[in-house]
Protein backbone atom coordinates (compact mmCIF):
# COMPACT_ATOMS: atom_id res chain seq x y z
CA UNK A 1 143.16 180.74 128.51
CA UNK A 2 142.50 182.86 131.58
CA UNK A 3 143.65 181.50 134.93
CA UNK A 4 143.22 183.04 138.40
CA UNK A 5 146.33 184.00 140.33
CA UNK A 6 144.85 183.06 143.70
CA UNK A 7 143.16 179.73 144.38
CA UNK A 8 142.31 179.68 148.04
CA UNK A 9 141.28 176.09 148.85
CA UNK A 10 143.17 172.82 148.79
CA UNK A 11 141.98 170.54 146.03
CA UNK A 12 141.59 167.64 148.43
CA UNK A 13 139.12 169.62 150.52
CA UNK A 14 137.17 170.77 147.46
CA UNK A 15 137.05 167.33 145.91
CA UNK A 16 135.84 165.33 148.91
CA UNK A 17 138.41 162.64 148.18
CA UNK A 18 137.25 159.09 147.48
CA UNK A 19 139.24 156.12 146.31
CA UNK A 20 139.71 157.21 142.69
CA UNK A 21 138.85 160.90 142.71
CA UNK A 22 142.50 161.68 142.01
CA UNK A 23 141.37 161.85 138.36
CA UNK A 24 141.02 165.56 137.53
CA UNK A 25 140.75 164.95 133.81
CA UNK A 26 142.12 163.08 130.88
CA UNK A 27 141.93 162.17 127.22
CA UNK A 28 142.74 159.23 124.96
CA UNK A 29 144.35 159.68 121.52
CA UNK A 30 146.06 157.50 118.92
CA UNK A 31 148.75 157.89 116.28
CA UNK A 32 149.12 155.63 113.24
CA UNK A 33 152.58 154.05 113.01
CA UNK A 34 152.00 152.22 109.71
CA UNK A 35 152.01 148.47 108.95
CA UNK A 36 152.14 146.11 111.91
CA UNK A 37 152.80 142.38 111.94
CA UNK A 38 150.73 139.77 110.10
CA UNK A 39 148.64 142.05 107.88
CA UNK A 40 147.75 144.66 110.49
CA UNK A 41 147.98 148.39 111.00
CA UNK A 42 149.77 149.55 114.13
CA UNK A 43 148.54 152.40 116.32
CA UNK A 44 150.17 154.02 119.32
CA UNK A 45 147.47 154.65 121.92
CA UNK A 46 148.04 157.28 124.61
CA UNK A 47 145.95 157.95 127.70
CA UNK A 48 146.84 161.21 129.45
CA UNK A 49 145.78 161.51 133.08
CA UNK A 50 145.68 164.73 135.10
CA UNK A 51 145.99 163.78 138.75
CA UNK A 52 145.16 165.62 141.99
CA UNK A 53 148.38 165.65 144.04
CA UNK A 54 146.30 165.78 147.23
CA UNK A 55 144.81 162.42 146.26
CA UNK A 56 146.16 158.91 146.02
CA UNK A 57 149.08 158.22 143.66
CA UNK A 58 148.45 157.71 139.96
CA UNK A 59 147.60 154.10 139.16
CA UNK A 60 150.81 152.21 138.37
CA UNK A 61 148.85 150.27 135.73
CA UNK A 62 145.58 150.84 133.84
CA UNK A 63 143.57 148.85 131.27
CA UNK A 64 143.05 150.08 127.72
CA UNK A 65 140.35 148.31 125.67
CA UNK A 66 139.38 148.29 121.99
CA UNK A 67 136.52 146.85 119.95
CA UNK A 68 134.96 146.70 116.46
CA UNK A 69 131.32 145.58 116.47
CA UNK A 70 131.47 145.19 112.67
CA UNK A 71 134.25 142.62 112.93
CA UNK A 72 133.21 141.22 116.33
CA UNK A 73 136.79 141.71 117.54
CA UNK A 74 137.78 143.10 120.93
CA UNK A 75 140.91 143.25 123.03
CA UNK A 76 142.44 144.76 126.14
CA UNK A 77 145.86 145.38 127.58
CA UNK A 78 147.34 146.41 130.91
CA UNK A 79 149.51 149.48 130.46
CA UNK A 80 152.07 150.85 132.92
CA UNK A 81 152.48 154.53 133.71
CA UNK A 82 155.87 155.84 132.66
CA UNK A 83 158.31 158.66 133.25
CA UNK A 84 160.23 157.82 130.07
CA UNK A 85 157.81 159.75 127.84
CA UNK A 86 158.52 163.51 127.97
CA UNK A 87 155.86 165.30 129.99
CA UNK A 88 154.83 162.26 132.04
CA UNK A 89 155.07 162.51 135.83
CA UNK A 90 155.37 166.30 135.54
CA UNK A 91 153.81 168.97 137.78
CA UNK A 92 151.54 171.08 135.52
CA UNK A 93 149.87 173.16 138.25
CA UNK A 94 148.90 176.68 137.09
CA UNK A 95 150.66 178.90 139.65
CA UNK A 96 152.60 182.13 139.51
CA UNK A 97 156.38 182.00 139.20
CA UNK A 98 157.84 180.81 142.48
CA UNK A 99 154.48 179.57 143.78
CA UNK A 100 154.23 176.34 145.76
CA UNK A 101 152.19 173.30 144.67
CA UNK A 102 151.19 170.05 146.35
CA UNK A 103 153.18 167.99 143.84
CA UNK A 104 154.64 165.58 144.56
CA UNK A 105 152.64 164.27 147.53
CA UNK A 106 153.67 165.93 150.76
CA UNK A 107 154.73 169.22 149.21
CA UNK A 108 153.71 172.47 150.86
CA UNK A 109 151.34 173.90 148.25
CA UNK A 110 147.58 173.94 148.78
CA UNK A 111 146.83 172.23 145.49
CA UNK A 112 148.62 170.49 142.67
CA UNK A 113 148.07 168.80 139.33
CA UNK A 114 150.36 166.15 137.90
CA UNK A 115 150.27 164.76 134.35
CA UNK A 116 150.83 161.05 133.76
CA UNK A 117 150.99 159.29 130.40
CA UNK A 118 150.13 155.65 129.67
CA UNK A 119 151.08 154.44 126.20
CA UNK A 120 150.92 151.18 124.26
CA UNK A 121 150.90 149.96 120.63
CA UNK A 122 148.00 147.90 119.28
CA UNK A 123 147.65 146.11 115.92
CA UNK A 124 144.29 146.13 114.10
CA UNK A 125 143.41 144.15 110.92
CA UNK A 126 144.66 146.28 108.03
CA UNK A 127 141.93 148.12 106.13
CA UNK A 128 139.12 146.57 108.19
CA UNK A 129 136.57 148.04 110.56
CA UNK A 130 135.24 151.58 110.30
CA UNK A 131 133.81 151.51 113.83
CA UNK A 132 136.79 150.85 116.11
CA UNK A 133 136.55 152.40 119.56
CA UNK A 134 139.44 152.53 122.05
CA UNK A 135 138.74 153.39 125.67
CA UNK A 136 139.77 153.49 129.31
CA UNK A 137 137.40 153.76 132.27
CA UNK A 138 137.80 154.43 135.99
CA UNK A 139 135.63 154.50 139.09
CA UNK A 140 134.84 156.76 140.90
CA UNK A 141 134.41 160.49 140.50
CA UNK A 142 134.79 163.01 143.28
CA UNK A 143 131.78 163.35 145.56
CA UNK A 144 132.13 167.15 145.27
CA UNK A 145 130.79 167.81 141.77
CA UNK A 146 127.82 170.16 141.53
CA UNK A 147 126.42 169.27 138.11
CA UNK A 148 126.16 165.48 138.55
CA UNK A 149 123.72 163.46 140.63
CA UNK A 150 125.47 161.40 143.35
CA UNK A 151 128.82 161.90 141.57
CA UNK A 152 130.76 159.72 143.99
CA UNK A 153 128.82 156.74 142.62
CA UNK A 154 129.66 157.57 139.01
CA UNK A 155 132.88 156.88 137.15
CA UNK A 156 134.67 158.21 134.06
CA UNK A 157 135.22 156.87 130.55
CA UNK A 158 137.73 158.29 128.06
CA UNK A 159 137.58 157.17 124.42
CA UNK A 160 138.53 157.68 120.80
CA UNK A 161 136.78 156.43 117.63
CA UNK A 162 138.77 155.16 114.65
CA UNK A 163 137.98 154.27 111.03
CA UNK A 164 140.66 151.70 110.15
CA UNK A 165 139.63 151.58 106.48
CA UNK A 166 141.30 154.91 105.73
CA UNK A 167 144.27 154.98 103.35
CA UNK A 168 146.74 156.15 104.41
CA UNK A 169 145.92 155.23 107.99
CA UNK A 170 144.53 157.88 110.29
CA UNK A 171 145.79 159.58 113.45
CA UNK A 172 143.37 161.16 115.91
CA UNK A 173 143.12 164.85 116.80
CA UNK A 174 145.56 165.83 119.56
CA UNK A 175 145.19 168.24 122.51
CA UNK A 176 148.33 170.38 122.64
CA UNK A 177 147.29 172.72 125.48
CA UNK A 178 146.58 171.87 129.10
CA UNK A 179 142.91 171.63 130.07
CA UNK A 180 141.37 174.38 132.18
CA UNK A 181 141.00 173.29 135.81
CA UNK A 182 140.34 176.66 137.53
CA UNK A 183 138.53 179.85 136.70
CA UNK A 184 136.95 182.90 138.33
CA UNK A 185 133.38 184.14 138.26
CA UNK A 186 132.48 187.25 136.31
CA UNK A 187 135.57 187.26 134.09
CA UNK A 188 135.59 186.77 130.32
CA UNK A 189 137.36 183.53 129.46
CA UNK A 190 138.83 182.41 126.17
CA UNK A 191 139.76 178.75 126.50
CA UNK A 192 142.06 177.44 123.76
CA UNK A 193 142.14 173.63 123.63
CA UNK A 194 145.05 173.67 121.19
CA UNK A 195 143.44 170.95 119.08
CA UNK A 196 145.42 169.92 116.00
CA UNK A 197 145.10 167.08 113.51
CA UNK A 198 148.28 165.37 112.28
CA UNK A 199 146.65 164.55 108.92
CA UNK A 200 145.18 167.98 108.29
CA UNK A 201 141.59 166.73 108.57
CA UNK A 202 138.69 169.07 109.35
CA UNK A 203 137.73 169.25 113.02
CA UNK A 204 134.44 170.05 114.73
CA UNK A 205 134.45 170.67 118.50
CA UNK A 206 131.24 170.10 120.46
CA UNK A 207 130.15 170.08 124.08
CA UNK A 208 129.29 166.54 125.16
CA UNK A 209 127.86 164.53 128.02
CA UNK A 210 130.47 163.27 130.42
CA UNK A 211 130.48 159.49 130.65
CA UNK A 212 129.99 157.05 133.50
CA UNK A 213 132.01 153.84 133.52
CA UNK A 214 130.47 150.56 132.36
CA UNK A 215 133.21 147.92 132.45
CA UNK A 216 133.17 145.32 131.04
CA UNK A 217 130.28 146.41 128.81
CA UNK A 218 131.53 147.62 125.40
CA UNK A 219 130.17 150.76 123.71
CA UNK A 220 127.69 152.43 123.48
CA UNK A 221 128.87 154.15 126.63
CA UNK A 222 126.66 155.24 129.52
CA UNK A 223 126.20 159.02 129.89
CA UNK A 224 126.77 160.50 133.32
CA UNK A 225 123.61 161.46 135.23
CA UNK A 226 123.24 165.23 135.55
CA UNK A 227 121.40 167.32 138.12
CA UNK A 228 118.85 169.64 136.48
CA UNK A 229 119.21 172.17 134.93
CA UNK A 230 122.72 171.03 134.04
CA UNK A 231 123.76 168.78 131.17
CA UNK A 232 126.66 168.18 128.85
CA UNK A 233 125.50 171.19 126.81
CA UNK A 234 125.02 173.31 129.95
CA UNK A 235 127.76 172.13 132.32
CA UNK A 236 128.03 175.18 134.61
CA UNK A 237 126.32 178.55 135.21
CA UNK A 238 127.28 181.36 132.85
CA UNK A 239 125.97 184.79 131.96
CA UNK A 240 126.69 184.25 128.27
CA UNK A 241 126.36 180.55 127.50
CA UNK A 242 129.40 178.75 126.11
CA UNK A 243 130.34 179.88 122.61
CA UNK A 244 132.48 177.54 120.54
CA UNK A 245 134.59 179.30 117.94
CA UNK A 246 136.73 177.85 115.17
CA UNK A 247 140.00 176.15 116.07
CA UNK A 248 138.87 174.80 119.43
CA UNK A 249 138.19 178.08 121.25
CA UNK A 250 135.55 178.27 123.99
CA UNK A 251 134.43 181.64 125.33
CA UNK A 252 132.17 182.23 128.34
CA UNK A 253 131.69 184.20 131.56
CA UNK A 254 131.05 182.00 134.60
CA UNK A 255 128.42 183.49 136.90
CA UNK A 256 128.60 181.42 140.10
CA UNK A 257 131.16 179.49 142.13
CA UNK A 258 130.78 175.91 140.94
CA UNK A 259 132.49 172.51 140.63
CA UNK A 260 131.78 171.01 137.23
CA UNK A 261 132.44 167.89 135.22
CA UNK A 262 133.21 169.55 131.86
CA UNK A 263 133.40 167.39 128.72
CA UNK A 264 133.75 167.98 125.00
CA UNK A 265 134.50 165.94 121.90
CA UNK A 266 136.44 166.59 118.71
CA UNK A 267 135.00 165.08 115.54
CA UNK A 268 137.32 164.49 112.60
CA UNK A 269 136.20 164.72 108.95
CA UNK A 270 137.99 163.82 105.71
CA UNK A 271 136.34 164.74 102.39
CA UNK A 272 133.12 165.42 104.29
CA UNK A 273 133.05 161.96 105.94
CA UNK A 274 133.47 161.49 109.68
CA UNK A 275 136.46 159.19 110.30
CA UNK A 276 137.30 159.69 113.96
CA UNK A 277 136.53 161.31 117.28
CA UNK A 278 138.26 161.93 120.58
CA UNK A 279 137.07 163.27 123.91
CA UNK A 280 138.32 165.15 126.97
CA UNK A 281 136.85 165.10 130.48
CA UNK A 282 137.93 167.81 132.96
CA UNK A 283 137.10 168.73 136.56
CA UNK A 284 136.60 172.52 136.44
CA UNK A 285 136.53 174.57 139.67
CA UNK A 286 135.03 178.05 139.38
CA UNK A 287 135.70 180.38 142.34
CA UNK A 288 134.79 183.85 143.51
CA UNK A 289 138.29 185.28 143.18
CA UNK A 290 139.45 188.46 144.97
CA UNK A 291 139.09 191.62 142.91
CA UNK A 292 142.77 192.32 143.51
CA UNK A 293 143.75 189.08 141.75
CA UNK A 294 143.18 189.66 138.03
CA UNK A 295 143.29 186.68 135.65
CA UNK A 296 146.42 185.79 133.74
CA UNK A 297 146.38 185.06 130.02
CA UNK A 298 148.10 181.74 129.28
């Protein structure tokens, strides 16, 4: 992806910090571990949070929920953040070599992004339920988002769908690259999500509405409310539109400085049948970068 070398404003100032606007993005995925206890299938569920280091600390504990309407079964679990998992609690700020970031809190950099991972194992009835959904929600978004209406009063929901009737059991698509948090106007961008599927299933990537939070209401989820002319399919101003190419590549040229909630989903197909879906929500800041600061391919 293309990233600007110079990002002039502190994230905290750009975000208009509120109590939970330390969420800069995230996604929820699952991996099948095989048979569980008592006639179940075990899945390892992972929520990845990208946190603004100018904001409050990452939540020490979150809630992950799951439900099958077919089976009328639901559950939830409190999950602790961890530094045991590789990559969790790590500064992932896109800066030049030797550059300063704001991670951890109190550091000297103007901005900073930290990745935290929350992980737990859940057991679902073996071979039952083609409509499982697993999710985590949080309130509230930053007040400084240009494509949402009253964004400070809206939250975020991160989810994955699962067909538990698949044999062998299914693992969700995985995001192997960092999301894009910053970009410059007027510069061609090729954003590679690095989406892979552990089972070799076919993947379809689509732009999607970002989601509000609706705890404790189960799915269907509530779409975020957009400010016209923006929507999930038109999340920020471009001169080209957003072209989605095979393999999870987005290409576009941003036309105006903008702060966008940017969401997309990855649908998973096996033998032509949809068996899963996952979703990523990202806070994207587009700036008018100095001409002398060309983008860097990453």
